[in-house]
Every structure is written in structure tokens, then in C-alpha cells.
Amino acid sequence: MSFKRKIAVLALNAFLSGAMLGLAPAAHAATVMVGGAPMYPSRNIVENAVNSKDHTTLVAAVKAAGLVDTLASPGPFTVFAPVNHAFDALPKGTVSMLLQPENKATLTQVLTYHVVPGAYTAQDLAQRVDEGGGKAMLKTVEGEELTITRMGKSHLAVTDAKGDVAHITIANVIQSNGVIHVIDKVLMP
């Protein structure tokens, strides 16, 4: 066996060993920073979201609604995840009202409106927008639709049933059970 061939075989074996241990270069390259924390593609949506300082309100809401097990399940899911300041922009008292036990059904409805079955990267969404003549309709777990459109050539926006528009600020946060797109507004069914 030639020297070059031996090196190639050793490199392939090292790559495959690393892949078996979850250390494949592609997995490492897909790690994205959100809220000051790395979002590891080997972890599920819940395991990553709890580490983001920008999503403490969302995590508290998911816990209050009893959706932790659902979002930790195999999925796959696409989650449009509003940051804390998006919740802060809601009318005063809305978040505290939604977090009360007697409003669990309403909170669940709002949260599941941010979740779409399936894993859609920004590239998948952009392709659907292009194929849809400028917009793509996605049915949420809640049951109503979200509208995805382009904002310029490389940015995507999500419009809710009330016509409010959220911008995807961090796309393609790959998870073991789907993908998260960070958004700047809370979507309302």
C-alpha cells in the first residue's frame, strides 16, 4: 500500500471514529451561539433552549404549559423562538396573565402556534417561498397557518394570523429533533 493510500485510510478511520463519538466536523460546524450559549446539534430543542439567556421567558412559558416533554421528543419540529424582548413588547401584564395556571390552554395555544411539524431550514423555507410565488404557508401544531415571506434577498419573515410580522434574526439552529429559528416578535393565532 502506498504512503498516500495509508494516510488516506488513516484519515478516513479517524473521521469515522470521530463521527461514531459524535465528533464529526459537520456536527461541530453547525453549532450556533444563541443567547450567549452554544446550541449543540446533538441536543434537543429543550436541552439547548434552557441555556439561552435570550429565551428565559420562552422556556418559562414552555414549562408552565407542560410542553417540555413534547419539545424534547423525537419530532422533528421547526420552532420559531421569540426572544425575551419580544415577550416584553406584548401589552403590559400579558406574559404574567398567560403564565397563570388557569390560562394554561391559552398559553399552550400561543406556544404551539410557534411550532411547525417537520424540520425546515431557512433554505427549505426560502425554496417554498419561491415555489409559492412569494409566500409559503405552514400549518402549525396549534392548527392555524403562518406565512413565510422574503425580506430582501436573504432574510425571511414570519407573519401571524393577525398580520403581525416577525423577522428571523438567527436561522438554522439545528437540533437533534428539528430546527430553531430565532424571531423578534411573539406570534399570535
C-alpha atoms as a PDB file:
ATOM      1  CA  MET A   1       0.000   0.000   0.000  1.00  0.00           C
ATOM      2  CA  SER A   2       1.405   3.394  -0.953  1.00  0.00           C
ATOM      3  CA  PHE A   3       2.184   6.058   1.635  1.00  0.00           C
ATOM      4  CA  LYS A   4      -0.594   8.350   0.275  1.00  0.00           C
ATOM      5  CA  ARG A   5      -3.110   5.499   0.438  1.00  0.00           C
ATOM      6  CA  LYS A   6      -2.110   4.700   4.052  1.00  0.00           C
ATOM      7  CA  ILE A   7      -2.591   8.352   5.023  1.00  0.00           C
ATOM      8  CA  ALA A   8      -5.981   8.417   3.290  1.00  0.00           C
ATOM      9  CA  VAL A   9      -7.094   5.247   5.108  1.00  0.00           C
ATOM     10  CA  LEU A  10      -5.902   6.622   8.465  1.00  0.00           C
ATOM     11  CA  ALA A  11      -7.709   9.905   7.852  1.00  0.00           C
ATOM     12  CA  LEU A  12     -10.912   8.076   6.901  1.00  0.00           C
ATOM     13  CA  ASN A  13     -10.685   5.883  10.005  1.00  0.00           C
ATOM     14  CA  ALA A  14     -10.121   8.923  12.224  1.00  0.00           C
ATOM     15  CA  PHE A  15     -13.109  10.686  10.682  1.00  0.00           C
ATOM     16  CA  LEU A  16     -15.353   7.645  11.109  1.00  0.00           C
ATOM     17  CA  SER A  17     -14.214   7.166  14.718  1.00  0.00           C
ATOM     18  CA  GLY A  18     -14.968  10.797  15.435  1.00  0.00           C
ATOM     19  CA  ALA A  19     -18.365  10.501  13.772  1.00  0.00           C
ATOM     20  CA  MET A  20     -19.184   7.477  15.929  1.00  0.00           C
ATOM     21  CA  LEU A  21     -18.380   9.561  19.001  1.00  0.00           C
ATOM     22  CA  GLY A  22     -20.483  12.484  17.796  1.00  0.00           C
ATOM     23  CA  LEU A  23     -17.415  14.493  16.872  1.00  0.00           C
ATOM     24  CA  ALA A  24     -17.913  14.724  13.116  1.00  0.00           C
ATOM     25  CA  PRO A  25     -16.729  18.054  11.707  1.00  0.00           C
ATOM     26  CA  ALA A  26     -20.179  18.822  10.258  1.00  0.00           C
ATOM     27  CA  ALA A  27     -21.807  18.460  13.678  1.00  0.00           C
ATOM     28  CA  HIS A  28     -19.260  20.824  15.219  1.00  0.00           C
ATOM     29  CA  ALA A  29     -19.578  23.351  12.386  1.00  0.00           C
ATOM     30  CA  ALA A  30     -23.361  23.527  12.849  1.00  0.00           C
ATOM     31  CA  THR A  31     -23.070  24.708  16.475  1.00  0.00           C
ATOM     32  CA  VAL A  32     -24.566  28.201  16.666  1.00  0.00           C
ATOM     33  CA  MET A  33     -24.362  30.723  19.521  1.00  0.00           C
ATOM     34  CA  VAL A  34     -27.753  31.914  20.796  1.00  0.00           C
ATOM     35  CA  GLY A  35     -28.211  33.996  23.916  1.00  0.00           C
ATOM     36  CA  GLY A  36     -24.554  33.634  24.804  1.00  0.00           C
ATOM     37  CA  ALA A  37     -24.624  29.837  24.729  1.00  0.00           C
ATOM     38  CA  PRO A  38     -23.662  27.256  22.135  1.00  0.00           C
ATOM     39  CA  MET A  39     -26.621  25.365  20.656  1.00  0.00           C
ATOM     40  CA  TYR A  40     -25.329  21.861  20.025  1.00  0.00           C
ATOM     41  CA  PRO A  41     -26.918  19.932  17.145  1.00  0.00           C
ATOM     42  CA  SER A  42     -26.622  16.730  19.188  1.00  0.00           C
ATOM     43  CA  ARG A  43     -29.040  18.125  21.806  1.00  0.00           C
ATOM     44  CA  ASN A  44     -32.801  18.505  21.505  1.00  0.00           C
ATOM     45  CA  ILE A  45     -34.764  21.753  21.431  1.00  0.00           C
ATOM     46  CA  VAL A  46     -35.330  21.869  25.197  1.00  0.00           C
ATOM     47  CA  GLU A  47     -31.767  20.889  26.123  1.00  0.00           C
ATOM     48  CA  ASN A  48     -30.439  23.806  24.078  1.00  0.00           C
ATOM     49  CA  ALA A  49     -33.123  26.438  24.767  1.00  0.00           C
ATOM     50  CA  VAL A  50     -32.651  26.302  28.542  1.00  0.00           C
ATOM     51  CA  ASN A  51     -29.096  27.624  28.072  1.00  0.00           C
ATOM     52  CA  SER A  52     -30.025  30.715  26.028  1.00  0.00           C
ATOM     53  CA  LYS A  53     -30.139  33.909  28.102  1.00  0.00           C
ATOM     54  CA  ASP A  54     -32.319  35.394  25.341  1.00  0.00           C
ATOM     55  CA  HIS A  55     -35.048  32.768  25.783  1.00  0.00           C
ATOM     56  CA  THR A  56     -35.709  32.621  29.534  1.00  0.00           C
ATOM     57  CA  THR A  57     -39.306  33.821  29.108  1.00  0.00           C
ATOM     58  CA  LEU A  58     -39.978  31.277  26.371  1.00  0.00           C
ATOM     59  CA  VAL A  59     -38.501  28.471  28.482  1.00  0.00           C
ATOM     60  CA  ALA A  60     -40.621  29.511  31.495  1.00  0.00           C
ATOM     61  CA  ALA A  61     -43.712  29.541  29.268  1.00  0.00           C
ATOM     62  CA  VAL A  62     -42.915  26.094  27.805  1.00  0.00           C
ATOM     63  CA  LYS A  63     -42.561  24.726  31.351  1.00  0.00           C
ATOM     64  CA  ALA A  64     -45.801  26.392  32.514  1.00  0.00           C
ATOM     65  CA  ALA A  65     -47.684  24.973  29.523  1.00  0.00           C
ATOM     66  CA  GLY A  66     -46.329  21.467  30.161  1.00  0.00           C
ATOM     67  CA  LEU A  67     -44.705  21.272  26.716  1.00  0.00           C
ATOM     68  CA  VAL A  68     -41.204  20.238  27.811  1.00  0.00           C
ATOM     69  CA  ASP A  69     -41.714  16.533  27.058  1.00  0.00           C
ATOM     70  CA  THR A  70     -43.280  17.315  23.685  1.00  0.00           C
ATOM     71  CA  LEU A  71     -40.402  19.550  22.566  1.00  0.00           C
ATOM     72  CA  ALA A  72     -37.861  17.041  23.865  1.00  0.00           C
ATOM     73  CA  SER A  73     -39.486  14.207  21.859  1.00  0.00           C
ATOM     74  CA  PRO A  74     -38.039  12.965  18.545  1.00  0.00           C
ATOM     75  CA  GLY A  75     -40.141  15.369  16.463  1.00  0.00           C
ATOM     76  CA  PRO A  76     -38.951  16.699  14.119  1.00  0.00           C
ATOM     77  CA  PHE A  77     -40.143  20.245  14.775  1.00  0.00           C
ATOM     78  CA  THR A  78     -39.392  23.685  13.438  1.00  0.00           C
ATOM     79  CA  VAL A  79     -39.671  26.236  16.241  1.00  0.00           C
ATOM     80  CA  PHE A  80     -39.901  29.979  15.688  1.00  0.00           C
ATOM     81  CA  ALA A  81     -38.469  31.059  19.052  1.00  0.00           C
ATOM     82  CA  PRO A  82     -39.214  34.609  20.247  1.00  0.00           C
ATOM     83  CA  VAL A  83     -36.543  36.308  22.340  1.00  0.00           C
ATOM     84  CA  ASN A  84     -37.242  37.866  25.747  1.00  0.00           C
ATOM     85  CA  HIS A  85     -37.641  41.395  24.381  1.00  0.00           C
ATOM     86  CA  ALA A  86     -40.379  40.103  22.043  1.00  0.00           C
ATOM     87  CA  PHE A  87     -42.362  38.998  25.100  1.00  0.00           C
ATOM     88  CA  ASP A  88     -41.564  42.333  26.784  1.00  0.00           C
ATOM     89  CA  ALA A  89     -43.158  44.126  23.806  1.00  0.00           C
ATOM     90  CA  LEU A  90     -46.540  42.482  24.467  1.00  0.00           C
ATOM     91  CA  PRO A  91     -49.122  44.627  26.274  1.00  0.00           C
ATOM     92  CA  LYS A  92     -48.299  45.034  29.967  1.00  0.00           C
ATOM     93  CA  GLY A  93     -49.420  42.074  32.043  1.00  0.00           C
ATOM     94  CA  THR A  94     -49.860  39.676  29.097  1.00  0.00           C
ATOM     95  CA  VAL A  95     -46.991  37.353  29.996  1.00  0.00           C
ATOM     96  CA  SER A  96     -47.865  37.150  33.697  1.00  0.00           C
ATOM     97  CA  MET A  97     -51.509  36.519  32.786  1.00  0.00           C
ATOM     98  CA  LEU A  98     -50.562  33.729  30.354  1.00  0.00           C
ATOM     99  CA  LEU A  99     -48.312  32.062  32.944  1.00  0.00           C
ATOM    100  CA  GLN A 100     -51.160  31.682  35.454  1.00  0.00           C
ATOM    101  CA  PRO A 101     -52.376  28.073  35.787  1.00  0.00           C
ATOM    102  CA  GLU A 102     -55.943  28.955  34.792  1.00  0.00           C
ATOM    103  CA  ASN A 103     -54.646  30.240  31.422  1.00  0.00           C
ATOM    104  CA  LYS A 104     -52.655  27.126  30.525  1.00  0.00           C
ATOM    105  CA  ALA A 105     -54.869  26.344  27.498  1.00  0.00           C
ATOM    106  CA  THR A 106     -54.359  29.827  26.043  1.00  0.00           C
ATOM    107  CA  LEU A 107     -50.623  29.703  26.735  1.00  0.00           C
ATOM    108  CA  THR A 108     -50.407  26.296  25.044  1.00  0.00           C
ATOM    109  CA  GLN A 109     -52.275  27.677  22.031  1.00  0.00           C
ATOM    110  CA  VAL A 110     -49.856  30.612  21.707  1.00  0.00           C
ATOM    111  CA  LEU A 111     -46.757  28.422  22.112  1.00  0.00           C
ATOM    112  CA  THR A 112     -47.865  25.669  19.717  1.00  0.00           C
ATOM    113  CA  TYR A 113     -48.558  28.403  17.158  1.00  0.00           C
ATOM    114  CA  HIS A 114     -44.767  28.857  17.058  1.00  0.00           C
ATOM    115  CA  VAL A 115     -44.150  25.183  16.210  1.00  0.00           C
ATOM    116  CA  VAL A 116     -44.437  23.519  12.792  1.00  0.00           C
ATOM    117  CA  PRO A 117     -44.207  19.751  12.304  1.00  0.00           C
ATOM    118  CA  GLY A 118     -41.083  18.838  10.320  1.00  0.00           C
ATOM    119  CA  ALA A 119     -37.605  20.308  10.150  1.00  0.00           C
ATOM    120  CA  TYR A 120     -37.375  23.333   7.826  1.00  0.00           C
ATOM    121  CA  THR A 121     -34.075  25.135   7.382  1.00  0.00           C
ATOM    122  CA  ALA A 122     -34.031  28.701   6.097  1.00  0.00           C
ATOM    123  CA  GLN A 123     -33.080  27.278   2.710  1.00  0.00           C
ATOM    124  CA  ASP A 124     -36.143  24.988   2.783  1.00  0.00           C
ATOM    125  CA  LEU A 125     -38.370  27.926   3.727  1.00  0.00           C
ATOM    126  CA  ALA A 126     -36.876  30.167   1.022  1.00  0.00           C
ATOM    127  CA  GLN A 127     -37.427  27.446  -1.577  1.00  0.00           C
ATOM    128  CA  ARG A 128     -41.065  27.088  -0.509  1.00  0.00           C
ATOM    129  CA  VAL A 129     -41.494  30.884  -0.708  1.00  0.00           C
ATOM    130  CA  ASP A 130     -40.033  30.911  -4.222  1.00  0.00           C
ATOM    131  CA  GLU A 131     -42.199  27.972  -5.319  1.00  0.00           C
ATOM    132  CA  GLY A 132     -45.250  29.672  -3.772  1.00  0.00           C
ATOM    133  CA  GLY A 133     -44.849  32.859  -5.787  1.00  0.00           C
ATOM    134  CA  GLY A 134     -43.518  34.934  -2.890  1.00  0.00           C
ATOM    135  CA  LYS A 135     -45.018  33.259   0.145  1.00  0.00           C
ATOM    136  CA  ALA A 136     -45.229  29.880   1.843  1.00  0.00           C
ATOM    137  CA  MET A 137     -47.988  28.781   4.177  1.00  0.00           C
ATOM    138  CA  LEU A 138     -47.033  26.499   7.077  1.00  0.00           C
ATOM    139  CA  LYS A 139     -49.621  24.789   9.263  1.00  0.00           C
ATOM    140  CA  THR A 140     -48.621  24.969  12.917  1.00  0.00           C
ATOM    141  CA  VAL A 141     -49.102  22.382  15.640  1.00  0.00           C
ATOM    142  CA  GLU A 142     -51.793  24.735  17.004  1.00  0.00           C
ATOM    143  CA  GLY A 143     -53.704  24.268  13.740  1.00  0.00           C
ATOM    144  CA  GLU A 144     -53.574  27.711  12.129  1.00  0.00           C
ATOM    145  CA  GLU A 145     -51.108  28.844   9.489  1.00  0.00           C
ATOM    146  CA  LEU A 146     -48.062  31.064   9.448  1.00  0.00           C
ATOM    147  CA  THR A 147     -46.996  32.894   6.296  1.00  0.00           C
ATOM    148  CA  ILE A 148     -43.322  32.957   5.368  1.00  0.00           C
ATOM    149  CA  THR A 149     -42.068  35.679   3.005  1.00  0.00           C
ATOM    150  CA  ARG A 150     -38.740  37.136   1.938  1.00  0.00           C
ATOM    151  CA  MET A 151     -37.456  40.414   3.306  1.00  0.00           C
ATOM    152  CA  GLY A 152     -34.902  41.346   0.697  1.00  0.00           C
ATOM    153  CA  LYS A 153     -32.802  38.659  -0.906  1.00  0.00           C
ATOM    154  CA  SER A 154     -31.509  36.813   2.143  1.00  0.00           C
ATOM    155  CA  HIS A 155     -33.863  37.444   5.074  1.00  0.00           C
ATOM    156  CA  LEU A 156     -37.128  35.724   5.928  1.00  0.00           C
ATOM    157  CA  ALA A 157     -40.158  36.995   7.817  1.00  0.00           C
ATOM    158  CA  VAL A 158     -42.989  35.154   9.526  1.00  0.00           C
ATOM    159  CA  THR A 159     -46.480  36.692   9.524  1.00  0.00           C
ATOM    160  CA  ASP A 160     -49.092  35.540  12.014  1.00  0.00           C
ATOM    161  CA  ALA A 161     -52.871  35.309  11.650  1.00  0.00           C
ATOM    162  CA  LYS A 162     -53.261  38.884  12.917  1.00  0.00           C
ATOM    163  CA  GLY A 163     -50.897  40.261  10.266  1.00  0.00           C
ATOM    164  CA  ASP A 164     -48.018  40.961  12.651  1.00  0.00           C
ATOM    165  CA  VAL A 165     -44.570  40.301  11.203  1.00  0.00           C
ATOM    166  CA  ALA A 166     -41.628  38.674  12.984  1.00  0.00           C
ATOM    167  CA  HIS A 167     -38.159  38.641  11.465  1.00  0.00           C
ATOM    168  CA  ILE A 168     -35.893  35.638  11.649  1.00  0.00           C
ATOM    169  CA  THR A 169     -32.798  37.040  13.352  1.00  0.00           C
ATOM    170  CA  ILE A 170     -30.851  33.779  13.744  1.00  0.00           C
ATOM    171  CA  ALA A 171     -31.680  30.991  11.308  1.00  0.00           C
ATOM    172  CA  ASN A 172     -30.813  27.310  11.179  1.00  0.00           C
ATOM    173  CA  VAL A 173     -30.114  26.500  14.803  1.00  0.00           C
ATOM    174  CA  ILE A 174     -30.010  22.767  14.144  1.00  0.00           C
ATOM    175  CA  GLN A 175     -31.229  20.440  16.908  1.00  0.00           C
ATOM    176  CA  SER A 176     -31.309  16.659  17.223  1.00  0.00           C
ATOM    177  CA  ASN A 177     -35.098  16.836  16.856  1.00  0.00           C
ATOM    178  CA  GLY A 178     -35.541  19.716  14.431  1.00  0.00           C
ATOM    179  CA  VAL A 179     -34.504  23.295  13.889  1.00  0.00           C
ATOM    180  CA  ILE A 180     -34.968  26.605  15.694  1.00  0.00           C
ATOM    181  CA  HIS A 181     -35.252  29.986  14.017  1.00  0.00           C
ATOM    182  CA  VAL A 182     -34.902  32.876  16.481  1.00  0.00           C
ATOM    183  CA  ILE A 183     -37.508  35.605  15.907  1.00  0.00           C
ATOM    184  CA  ASP A 184     -38.004  39.137  17.218  1.00  0.00           C
ATOM    185  CA  LYS A 185     -41.776  39.060  17.850  1.00  0.00           C
ATOM    186  CA  VAL A 186     -44.313  36.826  19.562  1.00  0.00           C
ATOM    187  CA  LEU A 187     -46.705  35.323  17.023  1.00  0.00           C
ATOM    188  CA  MET A 188     -50.406  35.273  17.857  1.00  0.00           C
ATOM    189  CA  PRO A 189     -53.039  32.895  16.427  1.00  0.00           C
END
